[in-house]
């Protein structure tokens, strides 16, 4: 972000975030990332997603969880060897104790950067208790804040960690601390196929599964998912939504499709679609089309994979172009 102008509005930066940021390790059947926080930061990720769970062992911290199940160090030790501060074997990862120090250390070393955190409570965690502890955490951290909105410029929040708390309501979400609307596009769920059971007409018992070809359907397959992602990217560029932080999920999974399979299928198509909309006309007598101001925030799985890094580099390039920069991004710009 060092090459971006201080007057750049936060909402107009194109960023890649890691969805399920700590769901790494082969022990998780719904693994959504393959490396820990530091490797994600090095790859250029500037937005993270944490589900947080209340524990009666502390009123000052929250456990990082996945579908309400605490993420334990013993499950994910190989992926977190690079963490600067990590728990003891068998201890959960705590947000204040283990996660924030890693992120704050990064912005302390790279003072032109800013990190976004999307934090949300687990299903068993009381909303009032969650808010109470989050307020305590924010008050205790010098570089952690949640006071920002669509009018906030990059220059005013460099060297900081910004916490978004999003709450669903009628398909939309809200930045609770400032009542600014945030639009989250694209449902995460996607299915390559739906399994139906053929029924014996005489006994009523199922005989065998029938695999439905979703290439002939309009809902639930990869094509449907990609359609929704395109819809999200296009809407982020729409002037009607220019005062919103716009978030699109390129991630997804279902009972028949793993997050890895979705990422392998969707990320290349997302990269291709963004590239098409970044190209300028080369015709002699034709003026080049205007450069889109933003594509919004894109949450992705497996962000340190080859495809993930390509998407990150493309989004960095888009942010530079929107600021009138033409330099090709490289690994040094990520930091």
C-alpha atoms as a PDB file:
ATOM      1  CA  UNK A   1       0.000   0.000   0.000  1.00  0.00           C
ATOM      2  CA  UNK A   2       3.033   2.292   0.098  1.00  0.00           C
ATOM      3  CA  UNK A   3       2.387   3.287  -3.538  1.00  0.00           C
ATOM      4  CA  UNK A   4      -1.234   4.266  -2.914  1.00  0.00           C
ATOM      5  CA  UNK A   5      -2.081   7.916  -2.297  1.00  0.00           C
ATOM      6  CA  UNK A   6      -2.971   8.917   1.260  1.00  0.00           C
ATOM      7  CA  UNK A   7      -6.222  10.386  -0.080  1.00  0.00           C
ATOM      8  CA  UNK A   8      -7.366   6.995  -1.403  1.00  0.00           C
ATOM      9  CA  UNK A   9     -10.682   5.992   0.176  1.00  0.00           C
ATOM     10  CA  UNK A  10     -10.579   2.624   1.930  1.00  0.00           C
ATOM     11  CA  UNK A  11     -13.743   1.486   0.185  1.00  0.00           C
ATOM     12  CA  UNK A  12     -12.126   2.052  -3.229  1.00  0.00           C
ATOM     13  CA  UNK A  13      -9.108  -0.203  -2.672  1.00  0.00           C
ATOM     14  CA  UNK A  14      -9.331  -3.627  -4.308  1.00  0.00           C
ATOM     15  CA  UNK A  15      -8.266  -6.245  -1.761  1.00  0.00           C
ATOM     16  CA  UNK A  16      -8.089 -10.008  -1.399  1.00  0.00           C
ATOM     17  CA  UNK A  17      -9.021 -11.494   1.965  1.00  0.00           C
ATOM     18  CA  UNK A  18      -8.629 -15.027   3.281  1.00  0.00           C
ATOM     19  CA  UNK A  19     -11.951 -16.616   4.188  1.00  0.00           C
ATOM     20  CA  UNK A  20     -11.646 -18.999   7.147  1.00  0.00           C
ATOM     21  CA  UNK A  21      -8.177 -17.571   7.775  1.00  0.00           C
ATOM     22  CA  UNK A  22      -7.142 -20.153  10.385  1.00  0.00           C
ATOM     23  CA  UNK A  23      -8.859 -23.217   8.944  1.00  0.00           C
ATOM     24  CA  UNK A  24      -5.662 -24.942   7.868  1.00  0.00           C
ATOM     25  CA  UNK A  25      -4.334 -28.452   8.403  1.00  0.00           C
ATOM     26  CA  UNK A  26      -5.373 -31.789   6.956  1.00  0.00           C
ATOM     27  CA  UNK A  27      -7.370 -32.675  10.067  1.00  0.00           C
ATOM     28  CA  UNK A  28     -10.061 -30.245   8.925  1.00  0.00           C
ATOM     29  CA  UNK A  29     -12.278 -31.740   6.240  1.00  0.00           C
ATOM     30  CA  UNK A  30     -13.289 -28.217   5.261  1.00  0.00           C
ATOM     31  CA  UNK A  31      -9.761 -26.843   5.100  1.00  0.00           C
ATOM     32  CA  UNK A  32      -9.899 -23.437   3.435  1.00  0.00           C
ATOM     33  CA  UNK A  33      -6.317 -22.172   3.759  1.00  0.00           C
ATOM     34  CA  UNK A  34      -3.041 -24.054   3.403  1.00  0.00           C
ATOM     35  CA  UNK A  35      -0.658 -21.731   5.282  1.00  0.00           C
ATOM     36  CA  UNK A  36      -0.707 -19.590   8.422  1.00  0.00           C
ATOM     37  CA  UNK A  37      -1.039 -15.846   8.955  1.00  0.00           C
ATOM     38  CA  UNK A  38       2.520 -14.774   8.241  1.00  0.00           C
ATOM     39  CA  UNK A  39       2.623 -16.582   4.894  1.00  0.00           C
ATOM     40  CA  UNK A  40      -0.732 -15.057   4.010  1.00  0.00           C
ATOM     41  CA  UNK A  41       0.573 -11.600   4.874  1.00  0.00           C
ATOM     42  CA  UNK A  42       3.678 -12.176   2.769  1.00  0.00           C
ATOM     43  CA  UNK A  43       1.450 -13.197  -0.143  1.00  0.00           C
ATOM     44  CA  UNK A  44      -0.326  -9.843   0.039  1.00  0.00           C
ATOM     45  CA  UNK A  45      -3.480 -10.702   1.998  1.00  0.00           C
ATOM     46  CA  UNK A  46      -4.756  -7.641   3.881  1.00  0.00           C
ATOM     47  CA  UNK A  47      -8.162  -8.868   5.028  1.00  0.00           C
ATOM     48  CA  UNK A  48      -8.826 -11.746   7.417  1.00  0.00           C
ATOM     49  CA  UNK A  49     -11.880 -13.647   8.588  1.00  0.00           C
ATOM     50  CA  UNK A  50     -12.221 -14.979  12.147  1.00  0.00           C
ATOM     51  CA  UNK A  51     -15.084 -16.781  13.838  1.00  0.00           C
ATOM     52  CA  UNK A  52     -14.763 -16.154  17.580  1.00  0.00           C
ATOM     53  CA  UNK A  53     -16.194 -18.200  20.434  1.00  0.00           C
ATOM     54  CA  UNK A  54     -16.774 -17.276  24.074  1.00  0.00           C
ATOM     55  CA  UNK A  55     -15.117 -19.370  26.765  1.00  0.00           C
ATOM     56  CA  UNK A  56     -15.997 -19.178  30.451  1.00  0.00           C
ATOM     57  CA  UNK A  57     -12.258 -19.481  31.175  1.00  0.00           C
ATOM     58  CA  UNK A  58     -11.766 -15.803  30.337  1.00  0.00           C
ATOM     59  CA  UNK A  59     -13.887 -12.682  30.091  1.00  0.00           C
ATOM     60  CA  UNK A  60     -11.136 -10.783  28.276  1.00  0.00           C
ATOM     61  CA  UNK A  61     -10.548 -12.904  25.179  1.00  0.00           C
ATOM     62  CA  UNK A  62     -12.291 -15.046  22.568  1.00  0.00           C
ATOM     63  CA  UNK A  63     -11.283 -18.405  21.091  1.00  0.00           C
ATOM     64  CA  UNK A  64     -10.835 -18.708  17.330  1.00  0.00           C
ATOM     65  CA  UNK A  65     -13.248 -21.398  16.152  1.00  0.00           C
ATOM     66  CA  UNK A  66     -14.636 -23.049  13.045  1.00  0.00           C
ATOM     67  CA  UNK A  67     -18.337 -23.889  12.961  1.00  0.00           C
ATOM     68  CA  UNK A  68     -18.367 -23.391  16.749  1.00  0.00           C
ATOM     69  CA  UNK A  69     -15.485 -25.854  17.288  1.00  0.00           C
ATOM     70  CA  UNK A  70     -12.306 -24.356  18.831  1.00  0.00           C
ATOM     71  CA  UNK A  71      -9.209 -24.482  16.645  1.00  0.00           C
ATOM     72  CA  UNK A  72      -6.542 -26.194  18.729  1.00  0.00           C
ATOM     73  CA  UNK A  73      -2.790 -25.884  18.359  1.00  0.00           C
ATOM     74  CA  UNK A  74      -2.362 -29.689  18.414  1.00  0.00           C
ATOM     75  CA  UNK A  75      -4.561 -29.949  15.310  1.00  0.00           C
ATOM     76  CA  UNK A  76      -2.832 -27.255  13.319  1.00  0.00           C
ATOM     77  CA  UNK A  77       0.749 -27.234  14.605  1.00  0.00           C
ATOM     78  CA  UNK A  78       2.472 -27.791  11.203  1.00  0.00           C
ATOM     79  CA  UNK A  79       0.723 -24.823   9.620  1.00  0.00           C
ATOM     80  CA  UNK A  80       1.490 -22.478  12.501  1.00  0.00           C
ATOM     81  CA  UNK A  81       5.186 -23.101  13.051  1.00  0.00           C
ATOM     82  CA  UNK A  82       5.778 -19.636  11.603  1.00  0.00           C
ATOM     83  CA  UNK A  83       3.600 -17.819  14.149  1.00  0.00           C
ATOM     84  CA  UNK A  84       5.677 -15.513  16.331  1.00  0.00           C
ATOM     85  CA  UNK A  85       3.497 -16.172  19.354  1.00  0.00           C
ATOM     86  CA  UNK A  86       1.665 -19.471  19.526  1.00  0.00           C
ATOM     87  CA  UNK A  87      -0.140 -21.437  22.238  1.00  0.00           C
ATOM     88  CA  UNK A  88       1.003 -24.506  24.070  1.00  0.00           C
ATOM     89  CA  UNK A  89       0.276 -27.909  22.587  1.00  0.00           C
ATOM     90  CA  UNK A  90      -3.444 -28.604  22.911  1.00  0.00           C
ATOM     91  CA  UNK A  91      -4.375 -24.996  23.788  1.00  0.00           C
ATOM     92  CA  UNK A  92      -6.890 -23.069  21.649  1.00  0.00           C
ATOM     93  CA  UNK A  93      -5.882 -20.067  19.605  1.00  0.00           C
ATOM     94  CA  UNK A  94      -7.054 -16.905  21.384  1.00  0.00           C
ATOM     95  CA  UNK A  95      -7.810 -13.760  19.408  1.00  0.00           C
ATOM     96  CA  UNK A  96      -6.225 -11.212  21.782  1.00  0.00           C
ATOM     97  CA  UNK A  97      -3.438 -13.404  23.090  1.00  0.00           C
ATOM     98  CA  UNK A  98      -2.234 -15.152  19.915  1.00  0.00           C
ATOM     99  CA  UNK A  99      -3.671 -13.620  16.746  1.00  0.00           C
ATOM    100  CA  UNK A 100      -3.540  -9.844  17.214  1.00  0.00           C
ATOM    101  CA  UNK A 101       0.182  -9.802  18.165  1.00  0.00           C
ATOM    102  CA  UNK A 102       1.051 -11.396  14.813  1.00  0.00           C
ATOM    103  CA  UNK A 103      -1.009  -8.883  12.850  1.00  0.00           C
ATOM    104  CA  UNK A 104       0.156  -5.880  14.887  1.00  0.00           C
ATOM    105  CA  UNK A 105       3.773  -6.929  14.478  1.00  0.00           C
ATOM    106  CA  UNK A 106       3.278  -6.876  10.707  1.00  0.00           C
ATOM    107  CA  UNK A 107       1.857  -3.331  10.568  1.00  0.00           C
ATOM    108  CA  UNK A 108       4.558  -2.167  12.981  1.00  0.00           C
ATOM    109  CA  UNK A 109       7.202  -3.380  10.513  1.00  0.00           C
ATOM    110  CA  UNK A 110       5.292  -2.138   7.440  1.00  0.00           C
ATOM    111  CA  UNK A 111       3.860   1.171   8.598  1.00  0.00           C
ATOM    112  CA  UNK A 112       2.204   2.117   5.297  1.00  0.00           C
ATOM    113  CA  UNK A 113      -0.048  -0.961   5.469  1.00  0.00           C
ATOM    114  CA  UNK A 114      -3.508  -1.392   6.979  1.00  0.00           C
ATOM    115  CA  UNK A 115      -5.244  -4.671   7.814  1.00  0.00           C
ATOM    116  CA  UNK A 116      -8.982  -5.386   7.864  1.00  0.00           C
ATOM    117  CA  UNK A 117     -10.460  -8.046  10.145  1.00  0.00           C
ATOM    118  CA  UNK A 118     -13.950  -9.418   9.668  1.00  0.00           C
ATOM    119  CA  UNK A 119     -14.870 -10.864  13.072  1.00  0.00           C
ATOM    120  CA  UNK A 120     -18.093 -12.702  13.793  1.00  0.00           C
ATOM    121  CA  UNK A 121     -19.331 -14.732  16.734  1.00  0.00           C
ATOM    122  CA  UNK A 122     -19.814 -18.486  16.748  1.00  0.00           C
ATOM    123  CA  UNK A 123     -23.392 -19.764  16.871  1.00  0.00           C
ATOM    124  CA  UNK A 124     -23.242 -20.637  20.580  1.00  0.00           C
ATOM    125  CA  UNK A 125     -21.765 -17.287  21.646  1.00  0.00           C
ATOM    126  CA  UNK A 126     -24.077 -14.688  23.161  1.00  0.00           C
ATOM    127  CA  UNK A 127     -24.147 -11.533  21.005  1.00  0.00           C
ATOM    128  CA  UNK A 128     -24.048  -9.170  23.998  1.00  0.00           C
ATOM    129  CA  UNK A 129     -21.089 -11.041  25.508  1.00  0.00           C
ATOM    130  CA  UNK A 130     -19.298 -11.019  22.168  1.00  0.00           C
ATOM    131  CA  UNK A 131     -19.681  -7.247  21.790  1.00  0.00           C
ATOM    132  CA  UNK A 132     -18.610  -6.657  25.385  1.00  0.00           C
ATOM    133  CA  UNK A 133     -15.357  -8.606  24.983  1.00  0.00           C
ATOM    134  CA  UNK A 134     -14.616  -7.117  21.545  1.00  0.00           C
ATOM    135  CA  UNK A 135     -14.873  -3.610  23.019  1.00  0.00           C
ATOM    136  CA  UNK A 136     -12.428  -4.594  25.764  1.00  0.00           C
ATOM    137  CA  UNK A 137      -9.991  -5.993  23.207  1.00  0.00           C
ATOM    138  CA  UNK A 138     -10.136  -2.890  21.004  1.00  0.00           C
ATOM    139  CA  UNK A 139      -9.611  -0.545  23.965  1.00  0.00           C
ATOM    140  CA  UNK A 140      -6.493  -2.463  25.052  1.00  0.00           C
ATOM    141  CA  UNK A 141      -4.736  -2.471  21.651  1.00  0.00           C
ATOM    142  CA  UNK A 142      -2.959   0.670  20.441  1.00  0.00           C
ATOM    143  CA  UNK A 143      -3.116  -0.276  16.749  1.00  0.00           C
ATOM    144  CA  UNK A 144      -6.564  -1.901  16.750  1.00  0.00           C
ATOM    145  CA  UNK A 145      -9.590   0.266  15.906  1.00  0.00           C
ATOM    146  CA  UNK A 146     -13.120  -0.026  14.604  1.00  0.00           C
ATOM    147  CA  UNK A 147     -13.914   3.615  13.870  1.00  0.00           C
ATOM    148  CA  UNK A 148     -13.922   3.993  10.113  1.00  0.00           C
ATOM    149  CA  UNK A 149     -16.398   4.280   7.263  1.00  0.00           C
ATOM    150  CA  UNK A 150     -16.757   4.943   3.513  1.00  0.00           C
ATOM    151  CA  UNK A 151     -15.255   8.426   3.907  1.00  0.00           C
ATOM    152  CA  UNK A 152     -12.121   7.177   5.676  1.00  0.00           C
ATOM    153  CA  UNK A 153      -8.895   7.687   3.733  1.00  0.00           C
ATOM    154  CA  UNK A 154      -5.895   5.384   3.691  1.00  0.00           C
ATOM    155  CA  UNK A 155      -3.594   8.086   5.077  1.00  0.00           C
ATOM    156  CA  UNK A 156      -5.570   8.299   8.322  1.00  0.00           C
ATOM    157  CA  UNK A 157      -5.396   4.577   9.139  1.00  0.00           C
ATOM    158  CA  UNK A 158      -1.990   3.372   7.975  1.00  0.00           C
ATOM    159  CA  UNK A 159      -0.171   1.222  10.529  1.00  0.00           C
ATOM    160  CA  UNK A 160      -3.493   0.066  12.004  1.00  0.00           C
ATOM    161  CA  UNK A 161      -5.672  -3.026  12.294  1.00  0.00           C
ATOM    162  CA  UNK A 162      -9.321  -2.248  11.524  1.00  0.00           C
ATOM    163  CA  UNK A 163     -12.086  -4.485  12.839  1.00  0.00           C
ATOM    164  CA  UNK A 164     -15.306  -4.924  10.879  1.00  0.00           C
ATOM    165  CA  UNK A 165     -18.266  -6.425  12.652  1.00  0.00           C
ATOM    166  CA  UNK A 166     -20.862  -7.411  10.067  1.00  0.00           C
ATOM    167  CA  UNK A 167     -24.394  -8.432  10.929  1.00  0.00           C
ATOM    168  CA  UNK A 168     -26.759  -9.985   8.410  1.00  0.00           C
ATOM    169  CA  UNK A 169     -30.163  -8.438   7.934  1.00  0.00           C
ATOM    170  CA  UNK A 170     -32.411  -9.190   4.966  1.00  0.00           C
ATOM    171  CA  UNK A 171     -29.474 -10.272   2.842  1.00  0.00           C
ATOM    172  CA  UNK A 172     -27.461  -7.126   3.625  1.00  0.00           C
ATOM    173  CA  UNK A 173     -24.935  -6.439   6.326  1.00  0.00           C
ATOM    174  CA  UNK A 174     -23.983  -3.449   8.404  1.00  0.00           C
ATOM    175  CA  UNK A 175     -20.830  -1.985   9.827  1.00  0.00           C
ATOM    176  CA  UNK A 176     -22.292  -1.858  13.312  1.00  0.00           C
ATOM    177  CA  UNK A 177     -20.019   0.717  14.918  1.00  0.00           C
ATOM    178  CA  UNK A 178     -20.885   3.457  12.412  1.00  0.00           C
ATOM    179  CA  UNK A 179     -24.165   2.234  10.883  1.00  0.00           C
ATOM    180  CA  UNK A 180     -22.558   2.284   7.448  1.00  0.00           C
ATOM    181  CA  UNK A 181     -23.946  -0.299   5.059  1.00  0.00           C
ATOM    182  CA  UNK A 182     -21.725  -3.065   3.784  1.00  0.00           C
ATOM    183  CA  UNK A 183     -22.921  -5.232   0.939  1.00  0.00           C
ATOM    184  CA  UNK A 184     -21.899  -8.888   0.970  1.00  0.00           C
ATOM    185  CA  UNK A 185     -22.512 -10.525  -2.374  1.00  0.00           C
ATOM    186  CA  UNK A 186     -22.504 -14.174  -3.408  1.00  0.00           C
ATOM    187  CA  UNK A 187     -23.561 -16.982  -1.128  1.00  0.00           C
ATOM    188  CA  UNK A 188     -20.711 -19.295  -0.203  1.00  0.00           C
ATOM    189  CA  UNK A 189     -22.483 -22.568  -0.886  1.00  0.00           C
ATOM    190  CA  UNK A 190     -21.958 -24.148  -4.287  1.00  0.00           C
ATOM    191  CA  UNK A 191     -22.513 -27.693  -5.490  1.00  0.00           C
ATOM    192  CA  UNK A 192     -20.996 -29.547  -8.429  1.00  0.00           C
ATOM    193  CA  UNK A 193     -23.791 -32.075  -8.294  1.00  0.00           C
ATOM    194  CA  UNK A 194     -26.849 -32.924  -6.275  1.00  0.00           C
ATOM    195  CA  UNK A 195     -27.365 -36.566  -5.292  1.00  0.00           C
ATOM    196  CA  UNK A 196     -30.946 -37.793  -5.478  1.00  0.00           C
ATOM    197  CA  UNK A 197     -32.182 -41.294  -4.617  1.00  0.00           C
ATOM    198  CA  UNK A 198     -34.211 -43.465  -6.942  1.00  0.00           C
ATOM    199  CA  UNK A 199     -37.194 -44.852  -5.046  1.00  0.00           C
ATOM    200  CA  UNK A 200     -38.613 -48.378  -5.400  1.00  0.00           C
ATOM    201  CA  UNK A 201     -42.229 -47.774  -6.364  1.00  0.00           C
ATOM    202  CA  UNK A 202     -43.433 -50.913  -4.547  1.00  0.00           C
ATOM    203  CA  UNK A 203     -41.589 -50.610  -1.229  1.00  0.00           C
ATOM    204  CA  UNK A 204     -40.833 -46.885  -1.089  1.00  0.00           C
ATOM    205  CA  UNK A 205     -37.210 -47.644  -0.217  1.00  0.00           C
ATOM    206  CA  UNK A 206     -34.271 -45.886  -1.888  1.00  0.00           C
ATOM    207  CA  UNK A 207     -32.400 -48.042  -4.425  1.00  0.00           C
ATOM    208  CA  UNK A 208     -29.369 -46.052  -5.618  1.00  0.00           C
ATOM    209  CA  UNK A 209     -28.258 -42.453  -5.944  1.00  0.00           C
ATOM    210  CA  UNK A 210     -28.860 -40.569  -9.176  1.00  0.00           C
ATOM    211  CA  UNK A 211     -26.334 -37.839  -9.935  1.00  0.00           C
ATOM    212  CA  UNK A 212     -27.997 -34.799 -11.455  1.00  0.00           C
ATOM    213  CA  UNK A 213     -25.985 -33.012 -14.146  1.00  0.00           C
ATOM    214  CA  UNK A 214     -25.895 -29.464 -12.860  1.00  0.00           C
ATOM    215  CA  UNK A 215     -24.375 -28.181 -16.093  1.00  0.00           C
ATOM    216  CA  UNK A 216     -27.968 -28.215 -17.334  1.00  0.00           C
ATOM    217  CA  UNK A 217     -29.284 -26.405 -14.273  1.00  0.00           C
ATOM    218  CA  UNK A 218     -29.441 -22.728 -13.367  1.00  0.00           C
ATOM    219  CA  UNK A 219     -28.706 -22.997  -9.667  1.00  0.00           C
ATOM    220  CA  UNK A 220     -26.019 -24.531  -7.526  1.00  0.00           C
ATOM    221  CA  UNK A 221     -23.176 -25.366  -9.908  1.00  0.00           C
ATOM    222  CA  UNK A 222     -19.840 -23.693 -10.662  1.00  0.00           C
ATOM    223  CA  UNK A 223     -21.382 -21.682 -13.492  1.00  0.00           C
ATOM    224  CA  UNK A 224     -23.995 -20.343 -11.097  1.00  0.00           C
ATOM    225  CA  UNK A 225     -21.270 -19.510  -8.588  1.00  0.00           C
ATOM    226  CA  UNK A 226     -19.215 -17.687 -11.217  1.00  0.00           C
ATOM    227  CA  UNK A 227     -22.294 -15.783 -12.360  1.00  0.00           C
ATOM    228  CA  UNK A 228     -22.799 -14.524  -8.811  1.00  0.00           C
ATOM    229  CA  UNK A 229     -19.136 -13.545  -8.490  1.00  0.00           C
ATOM    230  CA  UNK A 230     -19.336 -11.545 -11.722  1.00  0.00           C
ATOM    231  CA  UNK A 231     -22.496  -9.948 -10.385  1.00  0.00           C
ATOM    232  CA  UNK A 232     -20.662  -8.983  -7.200  1.00  0.00           C
ATOM    233  CA  UNK A 233     -17.669  -7.503  -9.030  1.00  0.00           C
ATOM    234  CA  UNK A 234     -19.911  -5.563 -11.419  1.00  0.00           C
ATOM    235  CA  UNK A 235     -22.023  -4.205  -8.581  1.00  0.00           C
ATOM    236  CA  UNK A 236     -18.920  -3.038  -6.721  1.00  0.00           C
ATOM    237  CA  UNK A 237     -18.166  -0.886  -9.767  1.00  0.00           C
ATOM    238  CA  UNK A 238     -21.713   0.481  -9.895  1.00  0.00           C
ATOM    239  CA  UNK A 239     -22.017   4.143  -8.885  1.00  0.00           C
ATOM    240  CA  UNK A 240     -25.205   3.320  -6.997  1.00  0.00           C
ATOM    241  CA  UNK A 241     -23.079   1.411  -4.467  1.00  0.00           C
ATOM    242  CA  UNK A 242     -20.132   3.803  -4.421  1.00  0.00           C
ATOM    243  CA  UNK A 243     -20.622   4.666  -0.735  1.00  0.00           C
ATOM    244  CA  UNK A 244     -20.501   1.032   0.396  1.00  0.00           C
ATOM    245  CA  UNK A 245     -17.733  -1.355   1.274  1.00  0.00           C
ATOM    246  CA  UNK A 246     -18.539  -4.138  -1.174  1.00  0.00           C
ATOM    247  CA  UNK A 247     -17.524  -7.704  -0.331  1.00  0.00           C
ATOM    248  CA  UNK A 248     -17.768 -10.652  -2.739  1.00  0.00           C
ATOM    249  CA  UNK A 249     -17.059 -14.245  -1.719  1.00  0.00           C
ATOM    250  CA  UNK A 250     -15.183 -16.251  -4.338  1.00  0.00           C
ATOM    251  CA  UNK A 251     -15.029 -19.047  -1.760  1.00  0.00           C
ATOM    252  CA  UNK A 252     -17.539 -21.827  -1.267  1.00  0.00           C
ATOM    253  CA  UNK A 253     -18.221 -25.482  -0.505  1.00  0.00           C
ATOM    254  CA  UNK A 254     -21.060 -27.933  -0.085  1.00  0.00           C
ATOM    255  CA  UNK A 255     -21.719 -31.519   0.918  1.00  0.00           C
ATOM    256  CA  UNK A 256     -20.502 -32.652  -2.509  1.00  0.00           C
ATOM    257  CA  UNK A 257     -17.793 -30.073  -3.208  1.00  0.00           C
ATOM    258  CA  UNK A 258     -14.705 -29.239  -1.137  1.00  0.00           C
ATOM    259  CA  UNK A 259     -13.394 -25.664  -0.714  1.00  0.00           C
ATOM    260  CA  UNK A 260     -10.232 -26.746  -2.558  1.00  0.00           C
ATOM    261  CA  UNK A 261     -12.224 -27.941  -5.540  1.00  0.00           C
ATOM    262  CA  UNK A 262     -14.183 -24.685  -5.619  1.00  0.00           C
ATOM    263  CA  UNK A 263     -10.976 -22.625  -5.382  1.00  0.00           C
ATOM    264  CA  UNK A 264      -9.286 -24.596  -8.166  1.00  0.00           C
ATOM    265  CA  UNK A 265     -12.313 -24.097 -10.397  1.00  0.00           C
ATOM    266  CA  UNK A 266     -13.349 -20.552  -9.505  1.00  0.00           C
ATOM    267  CA  UNK A 267     -10.118 -18.598  -8.888  1.00  0.00           C
ATOM    268  CA  UNK A 268      -8.788 -18.911 -12.476  1.00  0.00           C
ATOM    269  CA  UNK A 269     -12.169 -17.798 -13.856  1.00  0.00           C
ATOM    270  CA  UNK A 270     -12.288 -14.855 -11.441  1.00  0.00           C
ATOM    271  CA  UNK A 271      -8.772 -13.808 -12.503  1.00  0.00           C
ATOM    272  CA  UNK A 272      -9.743 -14.053 -16.162  1.00  0.00           C
ATOM    273  CA  UNK A 273     -12.892 -11.983 -15.629  1.00  0.00           C
ATOM    274  CA  UNK A 274     -11.055  -9.214 -13.773  1.00  0.00           C
ATOM    275  CA  UNK A 275      -8.319  -9.132 -16.427  1.00  0.00           C
ATOM    276  CA  UNK A 276     -10.941  -8.664 -19.140  1.00  0.00           C
ATOM    277  CA  UNK A 277     -12.287  -5.596 -17.380  1.00  0.00           C
ATOM    278  CA  UNK A 278      -8.842  -4.105 -16.794  1.00  0.00           C
ATOM    279  CA  UNK A 279      -7.852  -4.147 -20.482  1.00  0.00           C
ATOM    280  CA  UNK A 280      -7.911  -0.844 -22.362  1.00  0.00           C
ATOM    281  CA  UNK A 281      -8.744  -0.469 -26.013  1.00  0.00           C
ATOM    282  CA  UNK A 282      -5.797  -0.572 -28.437  1.00  0.00           C
ATOM    283  CA  UNK A 283      -7.760   0.618 -31.472  1.00  0.00           C
ATOM    284  CA  UNK A 284      -6.171   3.630 -33.166  1.00  0.00           C
ATOM    285  CA  UNK A 285      -9.199   5.899 -33.252  1.00  0.00           C
ATOM    286  CA  UNK A 286     -10.919   4.648 -30.136  1.00  0.00           C
ATOM    287  CA  UNK A 287     -10.515   6.157 -26.702  1.00  0.00           C
ATOM    288  CA  UNK A 288      -9.681   3.607 -24.004  1.00  0.00           C
ATOM    289  CA  UNK A 289     -12.561   2.759 -21.690  1.00  0.00           C
ATOM    290  CA  UNK A 290     -12.388   4.289 -18.223  1.00  0.00           C
ATOM    291  CA  UNK A 291     -10.479   2.221 -15.674  1.00  0.00           C
ATOM    292  CA  UNK A 292     -12.919   0.753 -13.131  1.00  0.00           C
ATOM    293  CA  UNK A 293     -12.373   2.446  -9.805  1.00  0.00           C
ATOM    294  CA  UNK A 294     -12.654  -0.759  -7.803  1.00  0.00           C
ATOM    295  CA  UNK A 295     -13.676  -4.385  -7.857  1.00  0.00           C
ATOM    296  CA  UNK A 296     -14.428  -4.468  -4.127  1.00  0.00           C
ATOM    297  CA  UNK A 297     -13.075  -6.770  -1.426  1.00  0.00           C
ATOM    298  CA  UNK A 298     -12.745 -10.397  -2.534  1.00  0.00           C
ATOM    299  CA  UNK A 299     -12.722 -13.154   0.100  1.00  0.00           C
ATOM    300  CA  UNK A 300     -10.999 -16.287  -1.219  1.00  0.00           C
ATOM    301  CA  UNK A 301      -9.863 -19.743  -0.136  1.00  0.00           C
ATOM    302  CA  UNK A 302      -6.277 -21.009  -0.531  1.00  0.00           C
ATOM    303  CA  UNK A 303      -4.877 -17.506  -0.987  1.00  0.00           C
ATOM    304  CA  UNK A 304      -1.242 -18.677  -0.871  1.00  0.00           C
ATOM    305  CA  UNK A 305      -1.754 -21.090  -3.784  1.00  0.00           C
ATOM    306  CA  UNK A 306      -0.525 -20.149  -7.255  1.00  0.00           C
ATOM    307  CA  UNK A 307      -4.016 -19.023  -8.269  1.00  0.00           C
ATOM    308  CA  UNK A 308      -4.500 -17.168  -4.982  1.00  0.00           C
ATOM    309  CA  UNK A 309      -1.267 -15.208  -5.407  1.00  0.00           C
ATOM    310  CA  UNK A 310      -2.183 -14.394  -9.015  1.00  0.00           C
ATOM    311  CA  UNK A 311      -5.508 -12.963  -7.845  1.00  0.00           C
ATOM    312  CA  UNK A 312      -3.721 -10.915  -5.170  1.00  0.00           C
ATOM    313  CA  UNK A 313      -1.233  -9.503  -7.690  1.00  0.00           C
ATOM    314  CA  UNK A 314      -4.079  -8.616 -10.044  1.00  0.00           C
ATOM    315  CA  UNK A 315      -5.941  -6.759  -7.291  1.00  0.00           C
ATOM    316  CA  UNK A 316      -2.762  -4.887  -6.326  1.00  0.00           C
ATOM    317  CA  UNK A 317      -2.356  -3.868  -9.960  1.00  0.00           C
ATOM    318  CA  UNK A 318      -5.995  -2.711 -10.086  1.00  0.00           C
ATOM    319  CA  UNK A 319      -5.551  -0.538  -6.982  1.00  0.00           C
ATOM    320  CA  UNK A 320      -2.404   1.004  -8.503  1.00  0.00           C
ATOM    321  CA  UNK A 321      -4.170   1.683 -11.815  1.00  0.00           C
ATOM    322  CA  UNK A 322      -7.053   3.324  -9.996  1.00  0.00           C
ATOM    323  CA  UNK A 323      -4.464   5.620  -8.393  1.00  0.00           C
ATOM    324  CA  UNK A 324      -2.890   6.475 -11.736  1.00  0.00           C
ATOM    325  CA  UNK A 325       0.051   4.085 -11.213  1.00  0.00           C
ATOM    326  CA  UNK A 326       1.170   1.814 -14.007  1.00  0.00           C
ATOM    327  CA  UNK A 327       4.044  -0.098 -12.420  1.00  0.00           C
ATOM    328  CA  UNK A 328       3.652  -3.851 -12.563  1.00  0.00           C
ATOM    329  CA  UNK A 329       3.280  -5.296  -9.059  1.00  0.00           C
ATOM    330  CA  UNK A 330       5.949  -7.607  -7.697  1.00  0.00           C
ATOM    331  CA  UNK A 331       6.674  -9.310  -4.392  1.00  0.00           C
ATOM    332  CA  UNK A 332       8.252  -6.143  -2.979  1.00  0.00           C
ATOM    333  CA  UNK A 333       5.014  -4.191  -3.442  1.00  0.00           C
ATOM    334  CA  UNK A 334       3.102  -6.807  -1.446  1.00  0.00           C
ATOM    335  CA  UNK A 335       5.085  -5.697   1.619  1.00  0.00           C
END
